[in-house]
Amino acid sequence: MKNKVTYILIVAFFTHFNQSYSQHPQKLGSIFDRDHNLPAVTVNFNPVGFFLYGPIIQMEFKIAHHSYIVPWLRYNYAGAASQYLWTDFEDDDYYSPSSISFAAGYKRFELLRSRKRLMYYGLFGELIHEKGLHNTESYNEYEQTHVAVAIYGNIGYRMKFNNDFYISLGILPGYSIDLKNEGIYINSQEPLELSKKNRIAGMLDLAFGWKLGR
């Protein structure tokens, strides 16, 4: 009798376990595998760049369930940190408004517990172009042209506030490599040797975004 009761309990346990297992994967799959309401196209604006290395306008184009191709434009000239690195805020140095950067990369989103919360991660490559003048109040005035490439990782958190608006908060740690760093004296037109540098780079990814397509 005791063995019979034990057998019945074991059968009942596994029957309940199999029913639960068959239901939960379906629920989990619906969280991570469905398109959910991720839009086809978005536009993002990062205003923190005004205080750092330039504001960023970024587009996200959906290529798969939760995957996006992401180009961006960063206006270096409008960044306070970029201005300081080039001019030290001195009157005899000039940072050209033509200083700008272009990037493209990949970004993927993962849904969290709430449908209004997402985590994202990605990888970007950027081409950086900068130009300006130094020693403008002396005979040794020269023009500098700087070109570099940078690679950034990206990880962050996105909060949706309604169907069309969201805020993203993340980081962009990276590394930049100088391709060109040349100078030329304005008066004599003689070239000036400037050193190329490789350096650790990084930006804060704080952006306001809007959905453009379903």
N, C-alpha and C. Protein backbone atom coordinates (compact mmCIF):
# COMPACT_ATOMS: atom_id res chain seq x y z
N MET A 1 0.83 -1.21 0.00
CA MET A 1 0.00 0.00 0.00
C MET A 1 0.87 1.27 0.00
N LYS A 2 1.91 1.22 0.85
CA LYS A 2 2.83 2.37 0.93
C LYS A 2 3.52 2.62 -0.39
N ASN A 3 3.95 1.56 -1.07
CA ASN A 3 4.62 1.69 -2.37
C ASN A 3 3.67 2.25 -3.42
N LYS A 4 2.42 1.84 -3.32
CA LYS A 4 1.42 2.29 -4.28
C LYS A 4 1.17 3.80 -4.14
N VAL A 5 1.08 4.26 -2.88
CA VAL A 5 0.87 5.70 -2.63
C VAL A 5 2.07 6.50 -3.13
N THR A 6 3.28 5.99 -2.87
CA THR A 6 4.50 6.68 -3.32
C THR A 6 4.53 6.80 -4.83
N TYR A 7 4.15 5.73 -5.50
CA TYR A 7 4.12 5.71 -6.96
C TYR A 7 3.16 6.76 -7.50
N ILE A 8 1.95 6.84 -6.87
CA ILE A 8 0.94 7.81 -7.31
C ILE A 8 1.44 9.24 -7.13
N LEU A 9 2.13 9.51 -6.00
CA LEU A 9 2.67 10.85 -5.75
C LEU A 9 3.74 11.23 -6.76
N ILE A 10 4.61 10.27 -7.10
CA ILE A 10 5.67 10.54 -8.08
C ILE A 10 5.08 10.86 -9.44
N VAL A 11 4.09 10.07 -9.85
CA VAL A 11 3.44 10.30 -11.14
C VAL A 11 2.76 11.66 -11.18
N ALA A 12 2.08 12.01 -10.07
CA ALA A 12 1.39 13.30 -10.00
C ALA A 12 2.37 14.46 -10.08
N PHE A 13 3.54 14.31 -9.42
CA PHE A 13 4.55 15.37 -9.42
C PHE A 13 5.08 15.62 -10.82
N PHE A 14 5.45 14.55 -11.52
CA PHE A 14 6.03 14.72 -12.85
C PHE A 14 5.00 15.20 -13.86
N THR A 15 3.74 14.80 -13.67
CA THR A 15 2.69 15.29 -14.55
C THR A 15 2.53 16.80 -14.41
N HIS A 16 2.53 17.28 -13.16
CA HIS A 16 2.43 18.72 -12.91
C HIS A 16 3.65 19.46 -13.43
N PHE A 17 4.86 18.90 -13.24
CA PHE A 17 6.10 19.52 -13.70
C PHE A 17 6.11 19.66 -15.22
N ASN A 18 5.66 18.62 -15.92
CA ASN A 18 5.67 18.67 -17.39
C ASN A 18 4.69 19.70 -17.91
N GLN A 19 3.53 19.84 -17.23
CA GLN A 19 2.57 20.85 -17.65
C GLN A 19 3.12 22.25 -17.45
N SER A 20 3.77 22.48 -16.29
CA SER A 20 4.35 23.80 -16.01
C SER A 20 5.47 24.13 -16.97
N TYR A 21 6.32 23.14 -17.27
CA TYR A 21 7.46 23.36 -18.16
C TYR A 21 6.99 23.69 -19.56
N SER A 22 5.92 23.03 -19.99
CA SER A 22 5.43 23.26 -21.35
C SER A 22 4.80 24.63 -21.49
N GLN A 23 4.33 25.24 -20.37
CA GLN A 23 3.71 26.55 -20.43
C GLN A 23 4.73 27.67 -20.31
N HIS A 24 5.69 27.58 -19.37
CA HIS A 24 6.61 28.68 -19.10
C HIS A 24 7.53 29.01 -20.26
N PRO A 25 8.13 28.02 -20.96
CA PRO A 25 8.97 28.39 -22.11
C PRO A 25 8.20 29.20 -23.14
N GLN A 26 6.90 28.91 -23.28
CA GLN A 26 6.12 29.66 -24.23
C GLN A 26 6.03 31.12 -23.81
N LYS A 27 5.85 31.33 -22.47
CA LYS A 27 5.78 32.70 -21.97
C LYS A 27 7.12 33.41 -22.13
N LEU A 28 8.20 32.73 -21.80
CA LEU A 28 9.52 33.33 -21.95
C LEU A 28 9.81 33.65 -23.40
N GLY A 29 9.44 32.72 -24.29
CA GLY A 29 9.66 32.95 -25.70
C GLY A 29 8.91 34.16 -26.20
N SER A 30 7.68 34.37 -25.66
CA SER A 30 6.90 35.51 -26.10
C SER A 30 7.55 36.81 -25.67
N ILE A 31 8.35 36.80 -24.59
CA ILE A 31 9.02 38.02 -24.13
C ILE A 31 10.22 38.35 -25.02
N PHE A 32 10.98 37.35 -25.40
CA PHE A 32 12.25 37.61 -26.08
C PHE A 32 12.21 37.40 -27.59
N ASP A 33 11.22 36.67 -28.11
CA ASP A 33 11.26 36.31 -29.52
C ASP A 33 10.29 37.11 -30.39
N ARG A 34 9.24 37.64 -29.79
CA ARG A 34 8.29 38.40 -30.57
C ARG A 34 8.86 39.78 -30.91
N ASP A 35 8.31 40.39 -31.97
CA ASP A 35 8.72 41.74 -32.33
C ASP A 35 8.37 42.74 -31.25
N HIS A 36 7.40 42.36 -30.40
CA HIS A 36 6.93 43.26 -29.35
C HIS A 36 6.48 44.55 -30.04
N ASN A 37 6.79 45.69 -29.53
CA ASN A 37 6.43 46.94 -30.21
C ASN A 37 7.67 47.76 -30.53
N LEU A 38 8.79 47.07 -30.78
CA LEU A 38 10.00 47.79 -31.18
C LEU A 38 9.80 48.40 -32.56
N PRO A 39 10.06 49.68 -32.71
CA PRO A 39 9.78 50.37 -33.97
C PRO A 39 10.76 50.00 -35.08
N ALA A 40 10.36 50.28 -36.30
CA ALA A 40 11.22 50.01 -37.44
C ALA A 40 12.32 51.05 -37.58
N VAL A 41 12.03 52.30 -37.22
CA VAL A 41 13.00 53.39 -37.34
C VAL A 41 12.84 54.32 -36.14
N THR A 42 13.96 54.77 -35.58
CA THR A 42 13.93 55.77 -34.50
C THR A 42 14.98 56.84 -34.78
N VAL A 43 14.82 57.98 -34.13
CA VAL A 43 15.83 59.04 -34.15
C VAL A 43 16.13 59.41 -32.71
N ASN A 44 17.43 59.58 -32.38
CA ASN A 44 17.87 59.89 -31.02
C ASN A 44 18.76 61.12 -31.02
N PHE A 45 18.66 61.90 -29.95
CA PHE A 45 19.50 63.08 -29.81
C PHE A 45 20.17 63.05 -28.44
N ASN A 46 21.52 63.14 -28.44
CA ASN A 46 22.31 63.12 -27.21
C ASN A 46 22.81 64.54 -26.91
N PRO A 47 22.13 65.27 -26.00
CA PRO A 47 22.53 66.66 -25.72
C PRO A 47 23.72 66.77 -24.77
N VAL A 48 24.07 65.69 -24.07
CA VAL A 48 25.20 65.73 -23.15
C VAL A 48 26.49 66.06 -23.89
N GLY A 49 26.51 65.76 -25.20
CA GLY A 49 27.68 66.06 -26.00
C GLY A 49 28.04 67.53 -26.04
N PHE A 50 27.08 68.42 -25.76
CA PHE A 50 27.42 69.85 -25.71
C PHE A 50 28.46 70.12 -24.62
N PHE A 51 28.44 69.32 -23.57
CA PHE A 51 29.39 69.50 -22.47
C PHE A 51 30.64 68.62 -22.65
N LEU A 52 30.59 67.65 -23.56
CA LEU A 52 31.71 66.74 -23.76
C LEU A 52 32.30 66.90 -25.16
N TYR A 53 32.09 65.90 -26.03
CA TYR A 53 32.79 65.88 -27.32
C TYR A 53 31.88 66.14 -28.51
N GLY A 54 30.76 66.76 -28.27
CA GLY A 54 29.86 67.12 -29.35
C GLY A 54 28.54 66.38 -29.28
N PRO A 55 27.42 67.07 -29.52
CA PRO A 55 26.11 66.41 -29.53
C PRO A 55 26.02 65.39 -30.67
N ILE A 56 25.20 64.37 -30.45
CA ILE A 56 25.09 63.28 -31.41
C ILE A 56 23.64 63.14 -31.87
N ILE A 57 23.45 63.05 -33.18
CA ILE A 57 22.16 62.67 -33.76
C ILE A 57 22.32 61.26 -34.32
N GLN A 58 21.45 60.37 -33.91
CA GLN A 58 21.59 58.95 -34.23
C GLN A 58 20.27 58.40 -34.78
N MET A 59 20.38 57.56 -35.81
CA MET A 59 19.21 56.87 -36.36
C MET A 59 19.36 55.37 -36.10
N GLU A 60 18.24 54.70 -35.88
CA GLU A 60 18.24 53.24 -35.69
C GLU A 60 17.30 52.62 -36.72
N PHE A 61 17.84 51.71 -37.55
CA PHE A 61 17.06 51.05 -38.59
C PHE A 61 16.99 49.55 -38.28
N LYS A 62 15.80 49.05 -38.10
CA LYS A 62 15.59 47.66 -37.70
C LYS A 62 15.93 46.71 -38.84
N ILE A 63 16.76 45.68 -38.55
CA ILE A 63 17.12 44.70 -39.56
C ILE A 63 16.69 43.28 -39.17
N ALA A 64 16.32 43.07 -37.92
CA ALA A 64 15.86 41.77 -37.43
C ALA A 64 14.99 42.04 -36.21
N HIS A 65 14.59 40.96 -35.52
CA HIS A 65 13.66 41.10 -34.39
C HIS A 65 14.05 42.22 -33.44
N HIS A 66 15.23 42.14 -32.86
CA HIS A 66 15.67 43.14 -31.89
C HIS A 66 17.00 43.77 -32.30
N SER A 67 17.36 43.70 -33.57
CA SER A 67 18.65 44.16 -34.05
C SER A 67 18.51 45.37 -34.97
N TYR A 68 19.46 46.30 -34.85
CA TYR A 68 19.40 47.55 -35.61
C TYR A 68 20.78 47.91 -36.18
N ILE A 69 20.76 48.48 -37.38
CA ILE A 69 21.92 49.17 -37.93
C ILE A 69 21.79 50.64 -37.54
N VAL A 70 22.89 51.22 -37.00
CA VAL A 70 22.78 52.55 -36.39
C VAL A 70 23.89 53.47 -36.90
N PRO A 71 23.56 54.43 -37.77
CA PRO A 71 24.51 55.49 -38.12
C PRO A 71 24.34 56.68 -37.18
N TRP A 72 25.41 57.46 -36.98
CA TRP A 72 25.27 58.69 -36.20
C TRP A 72 26.16 59.78 -36.78
N LEU A 73 25.82 61.00 -36.43
CA LEU A 73 26.62 62.18 -36.75
C LEU A 73 26.91 62.90 -35.44
N ARG A 74 28.19 63.19 -35.18
CA ARG A 74 28.60 63.91 -33.97
C ARG A 74 29.26 65.22 -34.38
N TYR A 75 28.73 66.32 -33.85
CA TYR A 75 29.26 67.65 -34.20
C TYR A 75 30.30 68.04 -33.16
N ASN A 76 31.55 67.65 -33.41
CA ASN A 76 32.65 67.90 -32.47
C ASN A 76 32.76 69.37 -32.06
N TYR A 77 32.58 70.25 -33.02
CA TYR A 77 32.78 71.68 -32.80
C TYR A 77 31.91 72.21 -31.66
N ALA A 78 30.73 71.61 -31.47
CA ALA A 78 29.79 72.11 -30.46
C ALA A 78 30.02 71.52 -29.08
N GLY A 79 31.06 70.71 -28.92
CA GLY A 79 31.35 70.10 -27.62
C GLY A 79 32.35 70.91 -26.83
N ALA A 80 32.05 71.20 -25.56
CA ALA A 80 32.94 72.00 -24.72
C ALA A 80 34.29 71.31 -24.51
N ALA A 81 34.27 70.00 -24.29
CA ALA A 81 35.53 69.27 -24.08
C ALA A 81 36.37 69.28 -25.35
N SER A 82 35.74 69.14 -26.51
CA SER A 82 36.48 69.20 -27.78
C SER A 82 37.11 70.57 -27.98
N GLN A 83 36.36 71.60 -27.68
CA GLN A 83 36.89 72.97 -27.79
C GLN A 83 38.09 73.16 -26.86
N TYR A 84 37.99 72.64 -25.65
CA TYR A 84 39.09 72.80 -24.69
C TYR A 84 40.34 72.05 -25.13
N LEU A 85 40.17 70.81 -25.60
CA LEU A 85 41.32 70.02 -26.01
C LEU A 85 42.05 70.66 -27.19
N TRP A 86 41.31 71.37 -28.03
CA TRP A 86 41.93 71.98 -29.20
C TRP A 86 42.52 73.36 -28.90
N THR A 87 41.82 74.14 -28.08
CA THR A 87 42.20 75.54 -27.90
C THR A 87 42.67 75.91 -26.49
N ASP A 88 42.41 75.05 -25.51
CA ASP A 88 42.63 75.42 -24.09
C ASP A 88 41.86 76.69 -23.72
N PHE A 89 40.83 76.98 -24.53
CA PHE A 89 40.05 78.21 -24.36
C PHE A 89 40.91 79.47 -24.44
N GLU A 90 41.98 79.41 -25.25
CA GLU A 90 42.85 80.56 -25.47
C GLU A 90 42.40 81.32 -26.72
N ASP A 91 42.58 82.63 -26.72
CA ASP A 91 42.12 83.46 -27.83
C ASP A 91 42.93 83.25 -29.11
N ASP A 92 44.17 82.75 -28.99
CA ASP A 92 45.01 82.62 -30.19
C ASP A 92 44.91 81.24 -30.82
N ASP A 93 43.93 80.45 -30.40
CA ASP A 93 43.67 79.16 -31.03
C ASP A 93 42.23 79.14 -31.55
N TYR A 94 42.03 78.43 -32.66
CA TYR A 94 40.73 78.45 -33.32
C TYR A 94 40.35 77.03 -33.74
N TYR A 95 39.14 76.61 -33.36
CA TYR A 95 38.62 75.29 -33.70
C TYR A 95 37.57 75.46 -34.79
N SER A 96 37.77 74.80 -35.93
CA SER A 96 36.93 75.04 -37.08
C SER A 96 35.53 74.41 -36.94
N PRO A 97 34.48 75.11 -37.37
CA PRO A 97 33.13 74.56 -37.38
C PRO A 97 32.97 73.35 -38.30
N SER A 98 33.97 73.11 -39.16
CA SER A 98 33.91 71.94 -40.04
C SER A 98 34.34 70.66 -39.32
N SER A 99 34.68 70.74 -38.04
CA SER A 99 35.10 69.56 -37.27
C SER A 99 33.87 68.71 -36.95
N ILE A 100 33.85 67.50 -37.50
CA ILE A 100 32.66 66.66 -37.40
C ILE A 100 33.07 65.19 -37.49
N SER A 101 32.22 64.31 -36.99
CA SER A 101 32.52 62.86 -37.01
C SER A 101 31.30 62.09 -37.48
N PHE A 102 31.57 60.98 -38.16
CA PHE A 102 30.52 60.08 -38.63
C PHE A 102 30.80 58.68 -38.10
N ALA A 103 29.74 57.97 -37.74
CA ALA A 103 29.90 56.61 -37.22
C ALA A 103 28.78 55.72 -37.73
N ALA A 104 29.02 54.42 -37.66
CA ALA A 104 28.00 53.42 -37.97
C ALA A 104 28.27 52.20 -37.10
N GLY A 105 27.21 51.50 -36.76
CA GLY A 105 27.39 50.33 -35.91
C GLY A 105 26.16 49.47 -35.82
N TYR A 106 26.22 48.56 -34.87
CA TYR A 106 25.15 47.58 -34.65
C TYR A 106 24.67 47.69 -33.20
N LYS A 107 23.35 47.59 -33.01
CA LYS A 107 22.78 47.65 -31.66
C LYS A 107 21.68 46.60 -31.53
N ARG A 108 21.66 45.93 -30.37
CA ARG A 108 20.63 44.93 -30.11
C ARG A 108 19.94 45.24 -28.78
N PHE A 109 18.62 45.01 -28.76
CA PHE A 109 17.82 45.27 -27.57
C PHE A 109 17.31 43.96 -26.96
N GLU A 110 17.29 43.91 -25.63
CA GLU A 110 16.71 42.79 -24.91
C GLU A 110 15.65 43.34 -23.96
N LEU A 111 14.46 42.75 -24.00
CA LEU A 111 13.37 43.20 -23.15
C LEU A 111 13.60 42.74 -21.72
N LEU A 112 13.29 43.62 -20.78
CA LEU A 112 13.36 43.28 -19.38
C LEU A 112 11.96 42.91 -18.88
N ARG A 113 11.76 42.91 -17.58
CA ARG A 113 10.48 42.44 -17.03
C ARG A 113 9.30 43.27 -17.53
N SER A 114 9.51 44.57 -17.57
CA SER A 114 8.44 45.44 -18.04
C SER A 114 8.62 45.71 -19.53
N ARG A 115 7.53 45.82 -20.23
CA ARG A 115 7.61 46.12 -21.66
C ARG A 115 8.08 47.54 -21.92
N LYS A 116 8.18 48.35 -20.88
CA LYS A 116 8.67 49.72 -21.03
C LYS A 116 10.15 49.84 -20.66
N ARG A 117 10.82 48.72 -20.42
CA ARG A 117 12.23 48.73 -20.02
C ARG A 117 13.01 47.78 -20.93
N LEU A 118 14.10 48.27 -21.50
CA LEU A 118 14.93 47.46 -22.37
C LEU A 118 16.40 47.68 -22.05
N MET A 119 17.21 46.65 -22.25
CA MET A 119 18.66 46.77 -22.19
C MET A 119 19.19 46.68 -23.62
N TYR A 120 20.26 47.44 -23.90
CA TYR A 120 20.83 47.37 -25.24
C TYR A 120 22.34 47.29 -25.17
N TYR A 121 22.92 46.73 -26.22
CA TYR A 121 24.38 46.65 -26.34
C TYR A 121 24.73 46.69 -27.82
N GLY A 122 25.97 47.13 -28.11
CA GLY A 122 26.34 47.24 -29.51
C GLY A 122 27.81 47.58 -29.70
N LEU A 123 28.17 47.83 -30.96
CA LEU A 123 29.55 48.13 -31.34
C LEU A 123 29.53 49.14 -32.48
N PHE A 124 30.42 50.15 -32.39
CA PHE A 124 30.44 51.23 -33.37
C PHE A 124 31.86 51.53 -33.85
N GLY A 125 31.95 51.96 -35.10
CA GLY A 125 33.18 52.50 -35.65
C GLY A 125 32.94 53.94 -36.07
N GLU A 126 33.90 54.83 -35.78
CA GLU A 126 33.71 56.26 -36.04
C GLU A 126 34.91 56.84 -36.78
N LEU A 127 34.63 57.72 -37.74
CA LEU A 127 35.65 58.50 -38.43
C LEU A 127 35.59 59.92 -37.91
N ILE A 128 36.71 60.42 -37.40
CA ILE A 128 36.78 61.73 -36.75
C ILE A 128 37.59 62.70 -37.62
N HIS A 129 37.04 63.87 -37.89
CA HIS A 129 37.76 64.90 -38.65
C HIS A 129 37.73 66.20 -37.87
N GLU A 130 38.93 66.78 -37.64
CA GLU A 130 39.04 68.04 -36.91
C GLU A 130 40.03 68.96 -37.63
N LYS A 131 39.75 70.26 -37.51
CA LYS A 131 40.61 71.23 -38.19
C LYS A 131 40.58 72.54 -37.41
N GLY A 132 41.70 73.28 -37.46
CA GLY A 132 41.73 74.56 -36.77
C GLY A 132 43.07 75.25 -36.90
N LEU A 133 43.20 76.37 -36.17
CA LEU A 133 44.40 77.18 -36.20
C LEU A 133 45.00 77.32 -34.81
N HIS A 134 46.32 77.52 -34.77
CA HIS A 134 47.03 77.75 -33.52
C HIS A 134 47.97 78.95 -33.68
N ASN A 135 48.24 79.63 -32.57
CA ASN A 135 49.15 80.78 -32.54
C ASN A 135 48.72 81.86 -33.54
N THR A 136 47.43 82.14 -33.56
CA THR A 136 46.90 83.07 -34.57
C THR A 136 47.39 84.51 -34.38
N GLU A 137 47.94 84.83 -33.22
CA GLU A 137 48.40 86.21 -32.97
C GLU A 137 49.91 86.35 -33.12
N SER A 138 50.56 85.36 -33.72
CA SER A 138 52.02 85.44 -33.91
C SER A 138 52.39 85.04 -35.33
N TYR A 139 53.66 85.25 -35.67
CA TYR A 139 54.16 84.87 -37.00
C TYR A 139 54.12 83.37 -37.19
N ASN A 140 54.17 82.58 -36.10
CA ASN A 140 54.20 81.13 -36.19
C ASN A 140 52.80 80.49 -36.25
N GLU A 141 51.85 81.25 -36.72
CA GLU A 141 50.49 80.71 -36.87
C GLU A 141 50.51 79.51 -37.81
N TYR A 142 49.82 78.47 -37.43
CA TYR A 142 49.75 77.29 -38.31
C TYR A 142 48.37 76.65 -38.26
N GLU A 143 48.05 75.95 -39.34
CA GLU A 143 46.79 75.23 -39.46
C GLU A 143 47.03 73.75 -39.19
N GLN A 144 46.16 73.14 -38.40
CA GLN A 144 46.28 71.72 -38.06
C GLN A 144 45.07 70.96 -38.59
N THR A 145 45.35 69.78 -39.17
CA THR A 145 44.29 68.88 -39.63
C THR A 145 44.49 67.53 -38.93
N HIS A 146 43.44 67.06 -38.29
CA HIS A 146 43.51 65.82 -37.52
C HIS A 146 42.42 64.87 -37.99
N VAL A 147 42.82 63.65 -38.33
CA VAL A 147 41.87 62.60 -38.75
C VAL A 147 42.17 61.34 -37.94
N ALA A 148 41.13 60.73 -37.39
CA ALA A 148 41.31 59.53 -36.56
C ALA A 148 40.13 58.60 -36.75
N VAL A 149 40.33 57.36 -36.35
CA VAL A 149 39.24 56.39 -36.29
C VAL A 149 39.11 55.92 -34.84
N ALA A 150 37.89 55.58 -34.45
CA ALA A 150 37.65 55.11 -33.09
C ALA A 150 36.68 53.94 -33.12
N ILE A 151 36.85 53.04 -32.18
CA ILE A 151 35.94 51.91 -31.99
C ILE A 151 35.34 52.03 -30.59
N TYR A 152 34.01 51.92 -30.51
CA TYR A 152 33.32 52.02 -29.22
C TYR A 152 32.45 50.79 -28.97
N GLY A 153 32.47 50.31 -27.76
CA GLY A 153 31.44 49.41 -27.30
C GLY A 153 30.30 50.26 -26.76
N ASN A 154 29.13 49.66 -26.64
CA ASN A 154 27.98 50.42 -26.15
C ASN A 154 27.07 49.51 -25.34
N ILE A 155 26.75 49.92 -24.13
CA ILE A 155 25.80 49.19 -23.31
C ILE A 155 24.97 50.21 -22.55
N GLY A 156 23.67 49.93 -22.41
CA GLY A 156 22.82 50.90 -21.75
C GLY A 156 21.43 50.37 -21.46
N TYR A 157 20.59 51.27 -21.01
CA TYR A 157 19.26 50.96 -20.52
C TYR A 157 18.29 51.97 -21.12
N ARG A 158 17.18 51.50 -21.66
CA ARG A 158 16.20 52.37 -22.31
C ARG A 158 14.86 52.31 -21.57
N MET A 159 14.28 53.48 -21.31
CA MET A 159 12.98 53.59 -20.64
C MET A 159 11.99 54.25 -21.59
N LYS A 160 10.88 53.57 -21.84
CA LYS A 160 9.86 54.13 -22.71
C LYS A 160 8.78 54.79 -21.85
N PHE A 161 8.38 56.00 -22.24
CA PHE A 161 7.39 56.74 -21.47
C PHE A 161 6.02 56.75 -22.14
N ASN A 162 5.99 56.54 -23.43
CA ASN A 162 4.73 56.31 -24.15
C ASN A 162 5.10 55.61 -25.45
N ASN A 163 4.19 55.53 -26.36
CA ASN A 163 4.44 54.77 -27.58
C ASN A 163 5.47 55.40 -28.50
N ASP A 164 5.73 56.70 -28.31
CA ASP A 164 6.60 57.40 -29.26
C ASP A 164 7.86 58.00 -28.67
N PHE A 165 7.98 58.09 -27.34
CA PHE A 165 9.10 58.79 -26.72
C PHE A 165 9.81 57.89 -25.70
N TYR A 166 11.15 58.01 -25.62
CA TYR A 166 11.91 57.24 -24.65
C TYR A 166 13.20 57.97 -24.30
N ILE A 167 13.84 57.53 -23.23
CA ILE A 167 15.13 58.05 -22.79
C ILE A 167 16.10 56.88 -22.65
N SER A 168 17.31 57.04 -23.16
CA SER A 168 18.35 56.01 -23.06
C SER A 168 19.50 56.52 -22.20
N LEU A 169 20.05 55.64 -21.39
CA LEU A 169 21.19 55.98 -20.55
C LEU A 169 22.21 54.85 -20.63
N GLY A 170 23.42 55.17 -21.09
CA GLY A 170 24.45 54.14 -21.24
C GLY A 170 25.83 54.75 -21.34
N ILE A 171 26.79 53.92 -21.70
CA ILE A 171 28.17 54.36 -21.84
C ILE A 171 28.73 53.88 -23.19
N LEU A 172 29.76 54.58 -23.66
CA LEU A 172 30.44 54.26 -24.92
C LEU A 172 31.94 54.25 -24.69
N PRO A 173 32.47 53.21 -24.05
CA PRO A 173 33.93 53.12 -23.89
C PRO A 173 34.58 52.74 -25.21
N GLY A 174 35.76 53.32 -25.48
CA GLY A 174 36.37 53.03 -26.77
C GLY A 174 37.86 53.33 -26.83
N TYR A 175 38.38 53.27 -28.06
CA TYR A 175 39.81 53.48 -28.30
C TYR A 175 39.95 54.15 -29.66
N SER A 176 40.77 55.22 -29.74
CA SER A 176 40.94 55.94 -31.00
C SER A 176 42.39 55.85 -31.49
N ILE A 177 42.52 55.87 -32.81
CA ILE A 177 43.83 55.77 -33.48
C ILE A 177 43.95 56.90 -34.48
N ASP A 178 45.00 57.69 -34.37
CA ASP A 178 45.23 58.79 -35.31
C ASP A 178 45.66 58.25 -36.68
N LEU A 179 45.00 58.71 -37.73
CA LEU A 179 45.40 58.40 -39.09
C LEU A 179 46.22 59.54 -39.69
N LYS A 180 45.90 60.76 -39.28
CA LYS A 180 46.57 61.94 -39.84
C LYS A 180 46.60 63.03 -38.78
N ASN A 181 47.73 63.67 -38.61
CA ASN A 181 47.85 64.82 -37.72
C ASN A 181 48.94 65.72 -38.29
N GLU A 182 48.52 66.63 -39.14
CA GLU A 182 49.46 67.43 -39.90
C GLU A 182 49.24 68.92 -39.66
N GLY A 183 50.31 69.67 -39.79
CA GLY A 183 50.24 71.12 -39.67
C GLY A 183 50.98 71.81 -40.80
N ILE A 184 50.59 73.04 -41.06
CA ILE A 184 51.29 73.84 -42.07
C ILE A 184 51.30 75.30 -41.61
N TYR A 185 52.48 75.91 -41.64
CA TYR A 185 52.60 77.31 -41.25
C TYR A 185 51.90 78.21 -42.27
N ILE A 186 51.11 79.15 -41.78
CA ILE A 186 50.32 80.01 -42.66
C ILE A 186 51.20 80.93 -43.49
N ASN A 187 52.21 81.52 -42.89
CA ASN A 187 53.04 82.51 -43.59
C ASN A 187 54.03 81.88 -44.55
N SER A 188 54.72 80.85 -44.12
CA SER A 188 55.77 80.26 -44.96
C SER A 188 55.28 79.08 -45.78
N GLN A 189 54.10 78.55 -45.42
CA GLN A 189 53.54 77.36 -46.07
C GLN A 189 54.44 76.13 -45.90
N GLU A 190 55.29 76.16 -44.90
CA GLU A 190 56.12 74.99 -44.61
C GLU A 190 55.35 74.01 -43.74
N PRO A 191 55.56 72.71 -43.98
CA PRO A 191 54.87 71.70 -43.16
C PRO A 191 55.41 71.65 -41.74
N LEU A 192 54.56 71.24 -40.83
CA LEU A 192 54.94 71.12 -39.42
C LEU A 192 54.66 69.69 -38.97
N GLU A 193 55.66 69.07 -38.40
CA GLU A 193 55.50 67.69 -37.93
C GLU A 193 54.77 67.67 -36.59
N LEU A 194 53.66 66.94 -36.54
CA LEU A 194 52.89 66.76 -35.31
C LEU A 194 52.77 65.26 -35.03
N SER A 195 52.82 64.90 -33.79
CA SER A 195 52.83 63.47 -33.43
C SER A 195 51.44 62.87 -33.53
N LYS A 196 51.39 61.60 -33.94
CA LYS A 196 50.15 60.82 -33.94
C LYS A 196 50.05 60.07 -32.61
N LYS A 197 48.84 59.96 -32.11
CA LYS A 197 48.63 59.30 -30.82
C LYS A 197 47.47 58.32 -30.90
N ASN A 198 47.60 57.25 -30.12
CA ASN A 198 46.49 56.34 -29.88
C ASN A 198 46.06 56.52 -28.43
N ARG A 199 44.77 56.56 -28.18
CA ARG A 199 44.32 56.89 -26.83
C ARG A 199 43.01 56.19 -26.49
N ILE A 200 42.79 56.02 -25.20
CA ILE A 200 41.51 55.53 -24.71
C ILE A 200 40.47 56.64 -24.87
N ALA A 201 39.30 56.29 -25.33
CA ALA A 201 38.25 57.26 -25.55
C ALA A 201 36.97 56.79 -24.86
N GLY A 202 35.98 57.66 -24.82
CA GLY A 202 34.71 57.27 -24.22
C GLY A 202 33.75 58.42 -24.17
N MET A 203 32.47 58.09 -24.18
CA MET A 203 31.41 59.10 -24.12
C MET A 203 30.26 58.58 -23.27
N LEU A 204 29.45 59.51 -22.78
CA LEU A 204 28.24 59.17 -22.06
C LEU A 204 27.08 59.13 -23.04
N ASP A 205 26.33 58.06 -22.99
CA ASP A 205 25.21 57.86 -23.93
C ASP A 205 23.90 58.19 -23.22
N LEU A 206 23.57 59.47 -23.17
CA LEU A 206 22.29 59.93 -22.62
C LEU A 206 21.51 60.57 -23.74
N ALA A 207 20.44 59.91 -24.18
CA ALA A 207 19.76 60.36 -25.39
C ALA A 207 18.24 60.36 -25.21
N PHE A 208 17.63 61.31 -25.90
CA PHE A 208 16.18 61.37 -26.01
C PHE A 208 15.81 60.83 -27.38
N GLY A 209 14.80 59.97 -27.45
CA GLY A 209 14.49 59.33 -28.72
C GLY A 209 13.01 59.35 -29.05
N TRP A 210 12.74 59.24 -30.36
CA TRP A 210 11.37 59.23 -30.85
C TRP A 210 11.23 58.14 -31.91
N LYS A 211 10.08 57.50 -31.91
CA LYS A 211 9.78 56.47 -32.90
C LYS A 211 9.30 57.13 -34.17
N LEU A 212 9.84 56.69 -35.32
CA LEU A 212 9.42 57.24 -36.61
C LEU A 212 8.59 56.26 -37.42
N GLY A 213 8.74 54.96 -37.15
CA GLY A 213 7.99 53.96 -37.90
C GLY A 213 7.65 52.77 -37.05
N ARG A 214 6.62 52.03 -37.42
CA ARG A 214 6.19 50.86 -36.64
C ARG A 214 7.05 49.65 -36.99
